[in-house]
Amino acid sequence: MNCDPSNPKGAGIVDVWQENLPVRFGSIDKSNRLTLNAVFQYFQEAAISHADNLGVGREEMAASGQVWLLSRMTVSVNKRSDYLDTITIRSWPRGHEKLFVIRNYEIKDKAGNSVVAGKSAWLVVDLGKRRPLRPEVIMERMPSNHGLDTFTAEDNAASGLEERSNLVKVSERKALYTDIDYNGHVNNVRYIQWIEDTLDTKLLENAGKMRLDINYLNEVLLGDKIDIYSGTLNENTFTFDGKKENGQSAFRAELKLE
């Protein structure tokens, strides 16, 4: 069933959120194909809409003194859709792992083939104490979707990334108005754009497959300055660390291009 993001609860509760849409001009690069940051944007919107549908959206969580916090995410693009291709965005909760509530994602092409897979790990945070809560406080309000997995355990998707040494500073950013979302910090999609902007554009334009693993470690607020460090793990895998002025890592990521 196709869901309506303008009225998330209109068709009743759904275990899997699904939207059909065309790849628009703002979601492609010079290669005429879907960008990685656009995929993250699609998945963010689907997660927000489905949370609203399930009764665990922004307003319901705030009323309970809680908030969702995205901690880790993996996106694997196996085929990049072209401009104006009709794609299907799917998203669903998938149980929990320790303190993390898991949400999966998928993009299917117009033939019904799965072309993008995603997995994210979220924390439920007590707004007053600013501390994570046990996921059980929220799981009874969400479908388990047993067996509906986008990655195997061996893929280590949405896992913690180790700190890398011998990285070189490649960019610096200052969090400005367009970086900040409703929650008052830099939006998760903006980090993907920051990472993409450090690379040779030809690498991104020519890549047919991509995988990005990212850990969101410390929030970045308006006016904060971030130094982005990078290195290579092999000829097609890059590692990143975004550090705040106090030396804390704001994010850590690994990107593989093929």
Protein backbone atom coordinates (compact mmCIF):
# COMPACT_ATOMS: atom_id res chain seq x y z
CA MET A 1 0.00 0.00 0.00
CA ASN A 2 1.28 3.44 -0.90
CA CYS A 3 1.33 5.79 2.09
CA ASP A 4 0.63 9.52 2.18
CA PRO A 5 3.28 11.62 4.00
CA SER A 6 0.88 14.57 4.15
CA ASN A 7 -1.51 12.43 6.22
CA PRO A 8 0.59 9.69 7.87
CA LYS A 9 -2.29 8.19 9.87
CA GLY A 10 -4.88 8.49 7.12
CA ALA A 11 -4.86 4.82 6.06
CA GLY A 12 -4.41 3.36 9.52
CA ILE A 13 -1.34 1.82 11.15
CA VAL A 14 1.09 0.12 8.75
CA ASP A 15 3.97 -2.19 9.66
CA VAL A 16 6.00 -1.01 6.66
CA TRP A 17 5.91 2.55 5.36
CA GLN A 18 5.93 2.82 1.56
CA GLU A 19 5.95 5.74 -0.87
CA ASN A 20 6.25 5.90 -4.66
CA LEU A 21 7.91 8.96 -6.14
CA PRO A 22 10.00 10.11 -9.09
CA VAL A 23 13.69 10.99 -8.77
CA ARG A 24 13.59 14.77 -9.01
CA PHE A 25 16.21 17.18 -10.37
CA GLY A 26 17.48 18.17 -6.92
CA SER A 27 18.29 14.54 -6.13
CA ILE A 28 20.79 13.90 -8.95
CA ASP A 29 24.34 14.90 -9.78
CA LYS A 30 26.06 15.52 -13.12
CA SER A 31 25.82 11.80 -13.93
CA ASN A 32 22.00 12.17 -14.02
CA ARG A 33 21.72 9.64 -11.16
CA LEU A 34 20.54 9.64 -7.56
CA THR A 35 23.05 11.02 -5.05
CA LEU A 36 23.95 9.46 -1.72
CA ASN A 37 22.78 12.49 0.26
CA ALA A 38 19.40 12.34 -1.50
CA VAL A 39 19.02 8.71 -0.38
CA PHE A 40 19.64 9.76 3.22
CA GLN A 41 17.07 12.54 2.79
CA TYR A 42 14.45 10.10 1.44
CA PHE A 43 15.09 7.72 4.33
CA GLN A 44 14.89 10.50 6.91
CA GLU A 45 11.49 11.64 5.64
CA ALA A 46 10.16 8.07 5.50
CA ALA A 47 11.28 7.42 9.09
CA ILE A 48 9.60 10.61 10.32
CA SER A 49 6.35 9.81 8.52
CA HIS A 50 6.26 6.23 9.76
CA ALA A 51 6.96 7.31 13.35
CA ASP A 52 3.97 9.65 13.09
CA ASN A 53 1.89 6.80 11.67
CA LEU A 54 2.82 4.53 14.58
CA GLY A 55 2.12 7.15 17.24
CA VAL A 56 5.78 7.60 18.19
CA GLY A 57 6.42 10.77 16.24
CA ARG A 58 7.88 14.06 17.37
CA GLU A 59 4.79 15.40 19.16
CA GLU A 60 3.90 12.13 20.93
CA MET A 61 7.48 11.63 22.08
CA ALA A 62 7.80 15.20 23.36
CA ALA A 63 4.58 14.78 25.35
CA SER A 64 6.25 11.84 27.10
CA GLY A 65 9.45 13.79 27.71
CA GLN A 66 11.34 11.75 25.14
CA VAL A 67 13.06 12.29 21.80
CA TRP A 68 14.50 10.10 19.06
CA LEU A 69 18.27 10.46 18.49
CA LEU A 70 19.87 8.95 15.39
CA SER A 71 23.14 7.31 16.44
CA ARG A 72 24.34 5.09 13.58
CA MET A 73 23.41 4.42 9.99
CA THR A 74 24.50 2.33 7.01
CA VAL A 75 23.32 2.84 3.44
CA SER A 76 24.37 0.55 0.59
CA VAL A 77 23.54 1.68 -2.94
CA ASN A 78 23.75 -1.21 -5.41
CA LYS A 79 22.27 0.70 -8.34
CA ARG A 80 21.75 4.44 -8.76
CA SER A 81 18.36 5.36 -10.18
CA ASP A 82 18.18 7.87 -13.04
CA TYR A 83 16.41 11.21 -13.22
CA LEU A 84 12.60 10.82 -13.28
CA ASP A 85 12.75 7.08 -12.60
CA THR A 86 9.87 6.04 -10.36
CA ILE A 87 11.21 4.51 -7.16
CA THR A 88 9.58 3.02 -4.07
CA ILE A 89 10.86 4.11 -0.65
CA ARG A 90 10.21 1.62 2.16
CA SER A 91 10.99 1.83 5.88
CA TRP A 92 10.13 -0.22 8.96
CA PRO A 93 11.21 -0.80 12.58
CA ARG A 94 13.09 -4.03 13.20
CA GLY A 95 13.34 -4.70 16.93
CA HIS A 96 16.23 -3.53 19.07
CA GLU A 97 19.89 -4.29 19.72
CA LYS A 98 21.04 -3.43 23.25
CA LEU A 99 20.10 0.26 23.73
CA PHE A 100 19.39 0.84 20.05
CA VAL A 101 16.02 0.73 18.30
CA ILE A 102 16.62 -0.51 14.76
CA ARG A 103 14.95 0.88 11.64
CA ASN A 104 15.49 -0.55 8.16
CA TYR A 105 15.08 1.05 4.74
CA GLU A 106 14.89 0.01 1.12
CA ILE A 107 14.55 1.55 -2.31
CA LYS A 108 13.04 -0.50 -5.12
CA ASP A 109 13.19 0.44 -8.78
CA LYS A 110 10.17 0.55 -11.10
CA ALA A 111 10.64 -3.18 -11.86
CA GLY A 112 10.43 -4.03 -8.17
CA ASN A 113 14.13 -4.78 -7.74
CA SER A 114 15.80 -3.77 -4.48
CA VAL A 115 18.52 -1.25 -5.39
CA VAL A 116 19.31 0.43 -2.04
CA ALA A 117 19.42 -1.00 1.48
CA GLY A 118 19.63 0.90 4.74
CA LYS A 119 19.81 0.25 8.46
CA SER A 120 19.80 2.77 11.29
CA ALA A 121 20.20 2.60 15.06
CA TRP A 122 18.29 5.09 17.20
CA LEU A 123 18.35 5.98 20.89
CA VAL A 124 15.28 6.97 22.88
CA VAL A 125 16.50 9.84 25.06
CA ASP A 126 14.95 11.33 28.19
CA LEU A 127 14.68 15.04 27.40
CA GLY A 128 15.06 16.16 31.00
CA LYS A 129 18.00 13.97 31.98
CA ARG A 130 19.52 13.86 28.48
CA ARG A 131 20.14 10.15 28.98
CA PRO A 132 19.21 7.13 26.84
CA LEU A 133 16.30 4.99 27.98
CA ARG A 134 15.88 1.26 27.61
CA PRO A 135 14.23 0.54 24.23
CA GLU A 136 11.49 -1.48 25.92
CA VAL A 137 9.77 1.81 26.78
CA ILE A 138 8.86 2.22 23.11
CA MET A 139 8.93 -1.25 21.52
CA GLU A 140 5.40 -2.28 22.52
CA ARG A 141 4.10 0.54 20.31
CA MET A 142 6.00 -0.63 17.24
CA PRO A 143 5.77 -3.72 14.98
CA SER A 144 8.64 -6.20 15.26
CA ASN A 145 8.73 -7.16 11.56
CA HIS A 146 10.55 -10.42 12.30
CA GLY A 147 12.60 -11.69 9.37
CA LEU A 148 12.40 -8.44 7.41
CA ASP A 149 16.10 -7.61 7.38
CA THR A 150 18.10 -5.52 4.92
CA PHE A 151 21.55 -6.72 6.06
CA THR A 152 22.92 -9.93 7.53
CA ALA A 153 24.68 -9.92 10.89
CA GLU A 154 27.98 -10.42 9.07
CA ASP A 155 27.57 -7.07 7.29
CA ASN A 156 28.04 -5.17 10.60
CA ALA A 157 25.61 -2.52 9.41
CA ALA A 158 24.83 0.37 11.78
CA SER A 159 27.73 -0.67 14.03
CA GLY A 160 30.29 1.39 15.91
CA LEU A 161 33.27 2.56 13.84
CA GLU A 162 36.78 2.53 15.28
CA GLU A 163 38.79 5.72 15.50
CA ARG A 164 41.42 5.86 12.76
CA SER A 165 44.89 7.35 13.02
CA ASN A 166 47.02 9.21 10.45
CA LEU A 167 44.09 11.15 9.02
CA VAL A 168 44.70 14.45 7.21
CA LYS A 169 42.57 17.57 7.50
CA VAL A 170 40.73 18.03 4.20
CA SER A 171 38.01 20.56 4.99
CA GLU A 172 36.50 22.80 7.61
CA ARG A 173 32.87 23.78 8.04
CA LYS A 174 30.90 26.14 10.22
CA ALA A 175 27.34 25.19 11.11
CA LEU A 176 25.08 27.83 9.55
CA TYR A 177 21.33 28.39 9.24
CA THR A 178 20.78 25.91 6.39
CA ASP A 179 22.59 23.16 8.31
CA ILE A 180 20.32 23.33 11.35
CA ASP A 181 17.08 21.36 11.66
CA TYR A 182 14.03 21.63 13.92
CA ASN A 183 15.91 20.05 16.81
CA GLY A 184 18.45 22.88 16.83
CA HIS A 185 21.48 20.91 15.65
CA VAL A 186 23.07 20.00 12.33
CA ASN A 187 20.78 17.61 10.45
CA ASN A 188 22.05 14.10 9.83
CA VAL A 189 21.82 14.52 6.04
CA ARG A 190 24.08 17.56 6.11
CA TYR A 191 27.00 15.46 7.34
CA ILE A 192 26.65 13.33 4.21
CA GLN A 193 26.90 16.43 2.05
CA TRP A 194 29.95 17.60 4.01
CA ILE A 195 31.63 14.25 3.38
CA GLU A 196 30.76 14.30 -0.34
CA ASP A 197 32.18 17.83 -0.65
CA THR A 198 35.63 16.64 0.46
CA LEU A 199 35.97 14.23 -2.48
CA ASP A 200 36.86 14.60 -6.13
CA THR A 201 33.51 15.06 -7.85
CA LYS A 202 34.48 12.56 -10.58
CA LEU A 203 34.77 9.80 -7.98
CA LEU A 204 31.18 10.36 -6.93
CA GLU A 205 29.80 10.91 -10.42
CA ASN A 206 31.45 7.74 -11.78
CA ALA A 207 30.57 5.46 -8.88
CA GLY A 208 27.89 2.88 -9.68
CA LYS A 209 27.79 1.45 -6.17
CA MET A 210 28.32 3.11 -2.80
CA ARG A 211 28.25 2.17 0.86
CA LEU A 212 28.42 4.69 3.68
CA ASP A 213 28.64 3.79 7.37
CA ILE A 214 28.32 6.74 9.75
CA ASN A 215 28.27 7.22 13.52
CA TYR A 216 26.75 10.42 14.90
CA LEU A 217 28.75 10.99 18.09
CA ASN A 218 28.22 14.55 19.39
CA GLU A 219 25.69 17.12 18.22
CA VAL A 220 26.86 20.19 16.32
CA LEU A 221 25.07 23.45 17.08
CA LEU A 222 24.68 26.71 15.18
CA GLY A 223 28.04 28.45 14.89
CA ASP A 224 30.12 25.40 15.80
CA LYS A 225 33.22 24.82 13.67
CA ILE A 226 34.11 21.35 12.43
CA ASP A 227 37.42 20.18 11.01
CA ILE A 228 36.99 17.19 8.71
CA TYR A 229 39.84 14.69 8.55
CA SER A 230 40.13 11.91 5.99
CA GLY A 231 42.27 8.97 4.98
CA THR A 232 42.11 5.91 2.74
CA LEU A 233 41.65 2.32 3.89
CA ASN A 234 42.26 1.05 0.34
CA GLU A 235 41.99 2.43 -3.18
CA ASN A 236 38.21 2.82 -3.06
CA THR A 237 37.41 3.15 0.66
CA PHE A 238 37.70 6.43 2.52
CA THR A 239 37.45 7.15 6.23
CA PHE A 240 36.37 10.43 7.86
CA ASP A 241 36.37 12.05 11.27
CA GLY A 242 34.65 15.36 11.93
CA LYS A 243 36.13 17.02 15.01
CA LYS A 244 34.82 19.94 17.05
CA GLU A 245 37.09 22.69 18.38
CA ASN A 246 37.29 20.92 21.75
CA GLY A 247 38.67 17.81 20.03
CA GLN A 248 35.49 15.76 20.33
CA SER A 249 34.45 13.75 17.30
CA ALA A 250 31.09 14.95 16.01
CA PHE A 251 30.87 12.12 13.49
CA ARG A 252 32.90 9.22 12.13
CA ALA A 253 32.31 7.61 8.75
CA GLU A 254 33.59 5.15 6.14
CA LEU A 255 32.67 5.40 2.46
CA LYS A 256 33.25 2.75 -0.20
CA LEU A 257 32.85 3.61 -3.89
CA GLU A 258 32.79 1.16 -6.81
